[in-house]
Amino acid sequence: MKIEGSARSNLISAITSVRRWRGRRVHGDTLAYWHAVLDQGRRSTGEPVADLVAELEGELARSGRHTQ
């Protein structure tokens, strides 16, 4: 899966998406994308995104879609 855009913008978008889908069924591809964005954030060296990585990890944990 190829992820386009900055780690920061992708993390913000994924956080918003996880919140919007909380409590509803999510397609496996969407879940895989959220985890790929999380991995992108963890590997990011060009911009400070640790706070967003932690926030996405927390949202995934709260929604029952645990981090890898």
Protein backbone atom coordinates (compact mmCIF):
# COMPACT_ATOMS: atom_id res chain seq x y z
CA MET A 1 0.00 0.00 0.00
CA LYS A 2 1.44 3.35 -1.02
CA ILE A 3 0.69 6.30 1.22
CA GLU A 4 0.91 9.76 -0.29
CA GLY A 5 1.30 13.06 1.56
CA SER A 6 3.00 14.13 4.74
CA ALA A 7 2.99 12.01 7.85
CA ARG A 8 1.38 14.86 9.78
CA SER A 9 -1.54 15.33 7.39
CA ASN A 10 -2.09 11.57 7.10
CA LEU A 11 -2.11 11.12 10.87
CA ILE A 12 -4.60 13.96 11.36
CA SER A 13 -6.84 12.49 8.68
CA ALA A 14 -6.63 8.98 10.16
CA ILE A 15 -7.42 10.25 13.67
CA THR A 16 -10.50 12.05 12.34
CA SER A 17 -11.56 8.96 10.42
CA VAL A 18 -11.15 6.58 13.38
CA ARG A 19 -13.27 8.91 15.52
CA ARG A 20 -15.95 9.14 12.85
CA TRP A 21 -16.14 5.35 12.51
CA ARG A 22 -16.08 4.60 16.25
CA GLY A 23 -18.69 2.03 17.14
CA ARG A 24 -19.28 0.95 13.54
CA ARG A 25 -17.91 -1.83 11.39
CA VAL A 26 -14.84 -0.90 9.38
CA HIS A 27 -13.58 -2.61 6.23
CA GLY A 28 -10.29 -4.45 6.64
CA ASP A 29 -8.61 -2.27 4.01
CA THR A 30 -9.49 0.84 6.01
CA LEU A 31 -8.05 -0.69 9.17
CA ALA A 32 -4.90 -1.68 7.27
CA TYR A 33 -4.59 1.90 5.96
CA TRP A 34 -4.87 3.35 9.49
CA HIS A 35 -2.11 1.04 10.68
CA ALA A 36 0.04 1.91 7.65
CA VAL A 37 -0.38 5.61 8.48
CA LEU A 38 0.59 4.83 12.06
CA ASP A 39 3.73 3.07 10.81
CA GLN A 40 4.50 6.03 8.54
CA GLY A 41 4.26 8.33 11.56
CA ARG A 42 6.51 6.10 13.64
CA ARG A 43 9.17 6.17 10.89
CA SER A 44 8.87 9.90 10.23
CA THR A 45 12.04 11.90 10.76
CA GLY A 46 11.23 15.09 8.88
CA GLU A 47 8.52 16.48 11.12
CA PRO A 48 7.59 16.16 14.80
CA VAL A 49 4.59 13.83 14.89
CA ALA A 50 5.06 11.79 18.08
CA ASP A 51 2.01 13.44 19.65
CA LEU A 52 -0.14 12.50 16.67
CA VAL A 53 1.23 8.95 16.63
CA ALA A 54 0.28 8.60 20.31
CA GLU A 55 -3.15 10.08 19.62
CA LEU A 56 -3.85 7.67 16.76
CA GLU A 57 -2.62 4.74 18.86
CA GLY A 58 -5.02 5.80 21.60
CA GLU A 59 -7.95 6.20 19.22
CA LEU A 60 -7.34 2.77 17.71
CA ALA A 61 -7.11 1.22 21.18
CA ARG A 62 -10.31 2.94 22.37
CA SER A 63 -12.17 1.82 19.27
CA GLY A 64 -11.09 -1.79 19.76
CA ARG A 65 -8.83 -1.68 16.70
CA HIS A 66 -5.60 -2.34 18.54
CA THR A 67 -2.25 -1.14 17.35
CA GLN A 68 0.21 -3.61 15.90
